[in-house]
C-alpha atoms as a PDB file:
ATOM      1  CA  MET A   1      23.695 -57.409 -90.809  1.00  0.00           C
ATOM      2  CA  ASP A   2      21.026 -58.592 -88.010  1.00  0.00           C
ATOM      3  CA  PHE A   3      18.276 -60.486 -89.107  1.00  0.00           C
ATOM      4  CA  LEU A   4      15.369 -58.290 -88.930  1.00  0.00           C
ATOM      5  CA  ASN A   5      17.632 -55.614 -91.905  1.00  0.00           C
ATOM      6  CA  LYS A   6      18.112 -59.172 -93.855  1.00  0.00           C
ATOM      7  CA  LEU A   7      14.716 -59.101 -93.594  1.00  0.00           C
ATOM      8  CA  ILE A   8      13.278 -56.551 -94.471  1.00  0.00           C
ATOM      9  CA  GLY A   9      16.503 -56.565 -97.065  1.00  0.00           C
ATOM     10  CA  LYS A  10      14.821 -59.046 -98.767  1.00  0.00           C
ATOM     11  CA  PHE A  11      11.373 -57.831 -99.164  1.00  0.00           C
ATOM     12  CA  LYS A  12      12.595 -54.699-100.552  1.00  0.00           C
ATOM     13  CA  GLY A  13      13.884 -52.947 -98.583  1.00  0.00           C
ATOM     14  CA  ASN A  14       9.760 -51.950 -97.310  1.00  0.00           C
ATOM     15  CA  PRO A  15       9.909 -50.683 -93.830  1.00  0.00           C
ATOM     16  CA  LEU A  16       8.464 -52.833 -90.968  1.00  0.00           C
ATOM     17  CA  ASP A  17       4.414 -51.117 -91.629  1.00  0.00           C
ATOM     18  CA  LYS A  18       4.470 -52.910 -94.982  1.00  0.00           C
ATOM     19  CA  LEU A  19       5.738 -55.772 -94.906  1.00  0.00           C
ATOM     20  CA  SER A  20       2.690 -57.932 -96.117  1.00  0.00           C
ATOM     21  CA  ILE A  21       1.307 -61.378 -93.894  1.00  0.00           C
ATOM     22  CA  ARG A  22       2.171 -63.272 -97.112  1.00  0.00           C
ATOM     23  CA  ASP A  23       5.714 -62.979 -97.355  1.00  0.00           C
ATOM     24  CA  LEU A  24       6.218 -63.195 -92.978  1.00  0.00           C
ATOM     25  CA  GLU A  25       4.544 -66.211 -93.691  1.00  0.00           C
ATOM     26  CA  GLY A  26       6.392 -67.574 -96.390  1.00  0.00           C
ATOM     27  CA  GLU A  27       9.531 -67.075 -94.354  1.00  0.00           C
ATOM     28  CA  ARG A  28       7.895 -68.717 -91.674  1.00  0.00           C
ATOM     29  CA  ILE A  29       7.182 -71.589 -93.432  1.00  0.00           C
ATOM     30  CA  ARG A  30      10.801 -71.435 -94.814  1.00  0.00           C
ATOM     31  CA  LEU A  31      12.123 -71.713 -91.555  1.00  0.00           C
ATOM     32  CA  LYS A  32      10.534 -74.334 -90.026  1.00  0.00           C
ATOM     33  CA  SER A  33      11.763 -76.750 -93.016  1.00  0.00           C
ATOM     34  CA  LYS A  34      15.274 -75.444 -91.503  1.00  0.00           C
ATOM     35  CA  LEU A  35      14.265 -76.537 -88.462  1.00  0.00           C
ATOM     36  CA  ASP A  36      12.495 -80.469 -89.328  1.00  0.00           C
ATOM     37  CA  ARG A  37      15.509 -81.005 -91.354  1.00  0.00           C
ATOM     38  CA  ILE A  38      18.075 -80.073 -89.121  1.00  0.00           C
ATOM     39  CA  LYS A  39      15.873 -82.063 -86.366  1.00  0.00           C
ATOM     40  CA  LYS A  40      15.862 -85.074 -88.405  1.00  0.00           C
ATOM     41  CA  GLU A  41      19.464 -84.697 -88.587  1.00  0.00           C
ATOM     42  CA  ILE A  42      20.208 -84.468 -84.920  1.00  0.00           C
ATOM     43  CA  LYS A  43      17.959 -87.544 -84.474  1.00  0.00           C
ATOM     44  CA  SER A  44      20.014 -90.134 -87.651  1.00  0.00           C
ATOM     45  CA  LEU A  45      23.459 -89.215 -85.692  1.00  0.00           C
ATOM     46  CA  ASP A  46      22.204 -89.908 -82.239  1.00  0.00           C
ATOM     47  CA  ARG A  47      20.978 -93.210 -83.618  1.00  0.00           C
ATOM     48  CA  GLN A  48      24.742 -93.800 -85.900  1.00  0.00           C
ATOM     49  CA  LYS A  49      26.342 -92.868 -82.313  1.00  0.00           C
ATOM     50  CA  LYS A  50      24.046 -95.585 -80.284  1.00  0.00           C
ATOM     51  CA  GLN A  51      24.633 -98.592 -83.113  1.00  0.00           C
ATOM     52  CA  LEU A  52      28.812 -97.618 -82.840  1.00  0.00           C
ATOM     53  CA  PHE A  53      28.489 -97.784 -79.005  1.00  0.00           C
ATOM     54  CA  LYS A  54      26.699-100.808 -79.337  1.00  0.00           C
ATOM     55  CA  GLU A  55      28.923-102.210 -81.443  1.00  0.00           C
ATOM     56  CA  GLY A  56      32.200-101.366 -79.190  1.00  0.00           C
ATOM     57  CA  VAL A  57      30.748-103.545 -76.395  1.00  0.00           C
ATOM     58  CA  GLY A  58      33.063-106.883 -76.747  1.00  0.00           C
ATOM     59  CA  ALA A  59      35.112-105.535 -79.029  1.00  0.00           C
ATOM     60  CA  ASP A  60      39.254-105.714 -78.704  1.00  0.00           C
ATOM     61  CA  THR A  61      40.907-102.823 -77.874  1.00  0.00           C
ATOM     62  CA  LEU A  62      41.655-100.980 -81.164  1.00  0.00           C
ATOM     63  CA  THR A  63      38.329-101.099 -82.545  1.00  0.00           C
ATOM     64  CA  LYS A  64      36.978 -99.716 -79.219  1.00  0.00           C
ATOM     65  CA  LYS A  65      39.396 -97.222 -79.821  1.00  0.00           C
ATOM     66  CA  MET A  66      38.458 -96.028 -83.727  1.00  0.00           C
ATOM     67  CA  LEU A  67      34.102 -95.858 -82.784  1.00  0.00           C
ATOM     68  CA  ALA A  68      35.461 -93.788 -80.002  1.00  0.00           C
ATOM     69  CA  GLN A  69      37.095 -91.358 -82.536  1.00  0.00           C
ATOM     70  CA  ASP A  70      33.627 -92.230 -84.596  1.00  0.00           C
ATOM     71  CA  ILE A  71      31.132 -91.323 -81.718  1.00  0.00           C
ATOM     72  CA  LYS A  72      33.351 -88.116 -81.077  1.00  0.00           C
ATOM     73  CA  SER A  73      33.320 -87.317 -84.744  1.00  0.00           C
ATOM     74  CA  ILE A  74      29.405 -87.595 -84.778  1.00  0.00           C
ATOM     75  CA  GLU A  75      29.374 -85.735 -81.349  1.00  0.00           C
ATOM     76  CA  MET A  76      31.162 -82.702 -82.172  1.00  0.00           C
ATOM     77  CA  GLU A  77      28.583 -82.826 -85.397  1.00  0.00           C
ATOM     78  CA  MET A  78      25.565 -82.641 -83.525  1.00  0.00           C
ATOM     79  CA  ARG A  79      26.350 -80.371 -81.146  1.00  0.00           C
ATOM     80  CA  LEU A  80      27.295 -77.608 -84.579  1.00  0.00           C
ATOM     81  CA  LYS A  81      23.816 -78.697 -85.556  1.00  0.00           C
ATOM     82  CA  TYR A  82      22.470 -77.835 -82.335  1.00  0.00           C
ATOM     83  CA  LYS A  83      23.547 -74.490 -82.452  1.00  0.00           C
ATOM     84  CA  SER A  84      22.490 -73.858 -86.065  1.00  0.00           C
ATOM     85  CA  PHE A  85      18.772 -75.440 -84.621  1.00  0.00           C
ATOM     86  CA  LEU A  86      19.264 -72.913 -82.308  1.00  0.00           C
ATOM     87  CA  THR A  87      19.937 -70.019 -84.306  1.00  0.00           C
ATOM     88  CA  TYR A  88      16.871 -70.873 -86.735  1.00  0.00           C
ATOM     89  CA  GLN A  89      14.751 -71.178 -84.107  1.00  0.00           C
ATOM     90  CA  LYS A  90      15.103 -67.138 -82.642  1.00  0.00           C
ATOM     91  CA  GLN A  91      14.328 -66.296 -86.390  1.00  0.00           C
ATOM     92  CA  PHE A  92      11.496 -68.714 -86.168  1.00  0.00           C
ATOM     93  CA  ASN A  93      10.333 -67.583 -83.241  1.00  0.00           C
ATOM     94  CA  PHE A  94      11.071 -63.669 -84.686  1.00  0.00           C
ATOM     95  CA  VAL A  95       8.743 -64.331 -87.535  1.00  0.00           C
ATOM     96  CA  ASN A  96       6.066 -66.039 -85.915  1.00  0.00           C
ATOM     97  CA  ASN A  97       6.200 -63.366 -83.296  1.00  0.00           C
ATOM     98  CA  LEU A  98       6.309 -60.742 -86.323  1.00  0.00           C
ATOM     99  CA  LEU A  99       3.118 -62.694 -88.251  1.00  0.00           C
ATOM    100  CA  ILE A 100       1.139 -61.891 -85.214  1.00  0.00           C
ATOM    101  CA  VAL A 101       1.827 -58.887 -85.121  1.00  0.00           C
ATOM    102  CA  LYS A 102       0.911 -58.278 -88.414  1.00  0.00           C
ATOM    103  CA  LYS A 103      -2.555 -59.340 -87.855  1.00  0.00           C
ATOM    104  CA  TYR A 104      -3.274 -57.557 -85.375  1.00  0.00           C
ATOM    105  CA  GLU A 105      -2.126 -54.528 -87.015  1.00  0.00           C
ATOM    106  CA  LYS A 106      -5.221 -52.563 -86.928  1.00  0.00           C
ATOM    107  CA  GLU A 107      -6.048 -53.037 -83.300  1.00  0.00           C
ATOM    108  CA  LEU A 108      -2.456 -52.107 -82.696  1.00  0.00           C
ATOM    109  CA  LYS A 109      -2.586 -49.303 -84.448  1.00  0.00           C
ATOM    110  CA  ASN A 110      -6.167 -48.188 -82.999  1.00  0.00           C
ATOM    111  CA  ILE A 111      -4.121 -48.242 -79.316  1.00  0.00           C
ATOM    112  CA  GLY A 112      -1.391 -46.676 -80.535  1.00  0.00           C
ATOM    113  CA  MET A 113       1.104 -49.622 -79.974  1.00  0.00           C
ATOM    114  CA  TRP A 114       1.752 -49.880 -83.481  1.00  0.00           C
ATOM    115  CA  ASN A 115       4.242 -46.900 -83.935  1.00  0.00           C
ATOM    116  CA  LYS A 116       5.582 -47.687 -80.913  1.00  0.00           C
ATOM    117  CA  ILE A 117       6.761 -50.978 -82.286  1.00  0.00           C
ATOM    118  CA  LYS A 118       7.420 -49.752 -85.497  1.00  0.00           C
ATOM    119  CA  ASN A 119      10.075 -47.230 -84.491  1.00  0.00           C
ATOM    120  CA  ILE A 120      12.085 -49.298 -81.582  1.00  0.00           C
ATOM    121  CA  GLN A 121      15.464 -50.037 -83.399  1.00  0.00           C
ATOM    122  CA  PRO A 122      15.857 -52.992 -85.331  1.00  0.00           C
ATOM    123  CA  GLU A 123      17.999 -55.111 -83.121  1.00  0.00           C
ATOM    124  CA  ILE A 124      16.220 -54.238 -80.179  1.00  0.00           C
ATOM    125  CA  LEU A 125      12.634 -55.055 -81.866  1.00  0.00           C
ATOM    126  CA  GLU A 126      14.390 -58.682 -83.387  1.00  0.00           C
ATOM    127  CA  ALA A 127      15.895 -59.622 -79.469  1.00  0.00           C
ATOM    128  CA  LYS A 128      12.579 -58.737 -77.903  1.00  0.00           C
ATOM    129  CA  LEU A 129      10.337 -60.713 -80.648  1.00  0.00           C
ATOM    130  CA  SER A 130      12.682 -63.692 -80.970  1.00  0.00           C
ATOM    131  CA  ASN A 131      12.445 -65.146 -76.786  1.00  0.00           C
ATOM    132  CA  ILE A 132       9.102 -64.310 -76.069  1.00  0.00           C
ATOM    133  CA  ILE A 133       5.537 -66.395 -77.733  1.00  0.00           C
ATOM    134  CA  LEU A 134       2.617 -65.360 -78.780  1.00  0.00           C
ATOM    135  CA  ASP A 135       0.934 -68.594 -80.136  1.00  0.00           C
ATOM    136  CA  GLY A 136      -2.283 -69.100 -79.150  1.00  0.00           C
ATOM    137  CA  LYS A 137      -2.966 -65.520 -77.493  1.00  0.00           C
ATOM    138  CA  GLU A 138      -6.287 -63.753 -77.750  1.00  0.00           C
ATOM    139  CA  PHE A 139      -5.340 -60.032 -78.715  1.00  0.00           C
ATOM    140  CA  ASP A 140      -5.690 -59.031 -75.018  1.00  0.00           C
ATOM    141  CA  GLU A 141      -2.897 -61.047 -73.592  1.00  0.00           C
ATOM    142  CA  THR A 142      -0.886 -60.684 -76.762  1.00  0.00           C
ATOM    143  CA  VAL A 143      -0.995 -56.882 -76.014  1.00  0.00           C
ATOM    144  CA  GLU A 144       0.131 -57.648 -72.367  1.00  0.00           C
ATOM    145  CA  SER A 145       2.992 -60.011 -73.453  1.00  0.00           C
ATOM    146  CA  LEU A 146       3.598 -57.140 -75.593  1.00  0.00           C
ATOM    147  CA  ASN A 147       3.773 -54.444 -73.238  1.00  0.00           C
ATOM    148  CA  ARG A 148       5.735 -55.641 -70.734  1.00  0.00           C
ATOM    149  CA  VAL A 149       8.346 -56.980 -72.685  1.00  0.00           C
ATOM    150  CA  PHE A 150       9.222 -53.744 -74.609  1.00  0.00           C
ATOM    151  CA  GLU A 151       8.821 -51.914 -71.333  1.00  0.00           C
ATOM    152  CA  MET A 152      11.702 -54.482 -70.761  1.00  0.00           C
ATOM    153  CA  ARG A 153      15.274 -53.660 -70.565  1.00  0.00           C
ATOM    154  CA  ILE A 154      17.582 -56.781 -72.824  1.00  0.00           C
ATOM    155  CA  ASP A 155      19.670 -57.401 -69.518  1.00  0.00           C
ATOM    156  CA  GLU A 156      16.323 -57.785 -67.167  1.00  0.00           C
ATOM    157  CA  PHE A 157      15.254 -60.597 -69.990  1.00  0.00           C
ATOM    158  CA  ASP A 158      18.284 -62.345 -70.102  1.00  0.00           C
ATOM    159  CA  GLU A 159      18.299 -62.808 -66.381  1.00  0.00           C
ATOM    160  CA  GLU A 160      14.836 -63.920 -66.985  1.00  0.00           C
ATOM    161  CA  VAL A 161      15.894 -66.691 -69.397  1.00  0.00           C
ATOM    162  CA  ASP A 162      18.673 -67.937 -67.319  1.00  0.00           C
ATOM    163  CA  GLY A 163      17.016 -67.859 -64.616  1.00  0.00           C
ATOM    164  CA  VAL A 164      15.133 -70.368 -66.378  1.00  0.00           C
ATOM    165  CA  GLU A 165      18.207 -72.529 -67.448  1.00  0.00           C
ATOM    166  CA  LYS A 166      19.409 -72.305 -63.667  1.00  0.00           C
ATOM    167  CA  LYS A 167      16.088 -73.914 -62.349  1.00  0.00           C
ATOM    168  CA  LEU A 168      16.124 -76.641 -65.426  1.00  0.00           C
ATOM    169  CA  PHE A 169      20.035 -78.201 -64.649  1.00  0.00           C
ATOM    170  CA  GLU A 170      19.473 -77.796 -61.057  1.00  0.00           C
ATOM    171  CA  ALA A 171      15.657 -80.431 -61.845  1.00  0.00           C
ATOM    172  CA  TRP A 172      18.157 -82.378 -63.954  1.00  0.00           C
ATOM    173  CA  GLY A 173      21.078 -82.354 -61.609  1.00  0.00           C
ATOM    174  CA  GLN A 174      18.433 -84.346 -58.714  1.00  0.00           C
ATOM    175  CA  VAL A 175      17.170 -87.148 -60.795  1.00  0.00           C
ATOM    176  CA  GLU A 176      21.173 -87.422 -62.036  1.00  0.00           C
ATOM    177  CA  SER A 177      22.460 -88.115 -58.460  1.00  0.00           C
ATOM    178  CA  GLY A 178      19.067 -90.069 -57.436  1.00  0.00           C
ATOM    179  CA  GLU A 179      17.756 -87.407 -55.272  1.00  0.00           C
ATOM    180  CA  MET A 180      14.122 -86.811 -57.160  1.00  0.00           C
ATOM    181  CA  ASP A 181      12.650 -89.872 -59.533  1.00  0.00           C
ATOM    182  CA  SER A 182      12.372 -87.761 -63.109  1.00  0.00           C
ATOM    183  CA  GLU A 183       8.687 -88.545 -63.178  1.00  0.00           C
ATOM    184  CA  ASP A 184       7.963 -86.561 -59.693  1.00  0.00           C
ATOM    185  CA  ILE A 185      10.349 -83.951 -61.118  1.00  0.00           C
ATOM    186  CA  VAL A 186       8.626 -83.736 -63.807  1.00  0.00           C
ATOM    187  CA  ASN A 187       5.006 -83.724 -62.812  1.00  0.00           C
ATOM    188  CA  ASN A 188       5.980 -81.198 -59.198  1.00  0.00           C
ATOM    189  CA  LEU A 189       8.762 -78.654 -61.407  1.00  0.00           C
ATOM    190  CA  ASP A 190       7.735 -74.915 -61.826  1.00  0.00           C
ATOM    191  CA  LEU A 191       9.908 -72.397 -64.505  1.00  0.00           C
ATOM    192  CA  ASP A 192       7.994 -69.400 -62.853  1.00  0.00           C
ATOM    193  CA  VAL A 193      10.475 -66.555 -63.082  1.00  0.00           C
ATOM    194  CA  ASN A 194       9.430 -63.680 -61.416  1.00  0.00           C
ATOM    195  CA  GLU A 195       5.420 -65.239 -62.291  1.00  0.00           C
ATOM    196  CA  ASP A 196       6.769 -65.198 -66.283  1.00  0.00           C
ATOM    197  CA  GLU A 197       3.659 -66.756 -68.402  1.00  0.00           C
ATOM    198  CA  GLU A 198       6.143 -66.968 -71.343  1.00  0.00           C
ATOM    199  CA  ASP A 199       8.747 -69.641 -69.706  1.00  0.00           C
ATOM    200  CA  GLU A 200       6.093 -71.932 -68.291  1.00  0.00           C
ATOM    201  CA  GLU A 201       4.808 -72.192 -72.355  1.00  0.00           C
ATOM    202  CA  LEU A 202       8.545 -72.602 -73.558  1.00  0.00           C
ATOM    203  CA  PHE A 203       8.755 -75.500 -71.520  1.00  0.00           C
ATOM    204  CA  LYS A 204       5.988 -77.058 -72.537  1.00  0.00           C
ATOM    205  CA  ARG A 205       6.453 -76.804 -76.134  1.00  0.00           C
ATOM    206  CA  LEU A 206      10.208 -77.762 -75.625  1.00  0.00           C
ATOM    207  CA  GLU A 207       8.184 -81.378 -74.002  1.00  0.00           C
ATOM    208  CA  LYS A 208       6.124 -81.348 -76.790  1.00  0.00           C
ATOM    209  CA  GLU A 209       8.895 -81.158 -79.278  1.00  0.00           C
ATOM    210  CA  VAL A 210      11.535 -84.361 -77.549  1.00  0.00           C
ATOM    211  CA  LYS A 211       8.111 -86.674 -77.100  1.00  0.00           C
END
């Protein structure tokens, strides 16, 4: 069962236009708590991994082999937690955007967009609202973003997301090869793909997360 159906089922089967702001805010808080907890767990594991590495400096071969196994185990656990983090992040984005849409329900009904959103297939609604950022936008900007994303096919959206990922990996490669200084590349990094402002906002949010 997809996340939207679970969400609606949790609220006693109410259709989308009957989900209350209070219900969505509660779900948003729950997901934010999960994200914060997983981030703390990943940071804790990272500290453990670094400590184990330090313990291996100057140690005998057998000790290093044992430490290597411990480090590999921690690395695997970190990867699993990161996958969970990505899943919850998408769910959080979906609920947060759904909450913003709900807050603009009256205005969206006035311009005829509410029915368009309400009647879209749940799995498509979830996929598209999970991958945009409506936070901090005025109503006109929100409408523009919604119009754009609901006019796109799923494969078109995936291509743009992949484009951002490609640019990031190219940038990392330039720094790692010594071709560019990290400060220079961060200051000049342009993540726009087909003039998509959401991608730039996403990168700015990610920058804040790692600071």
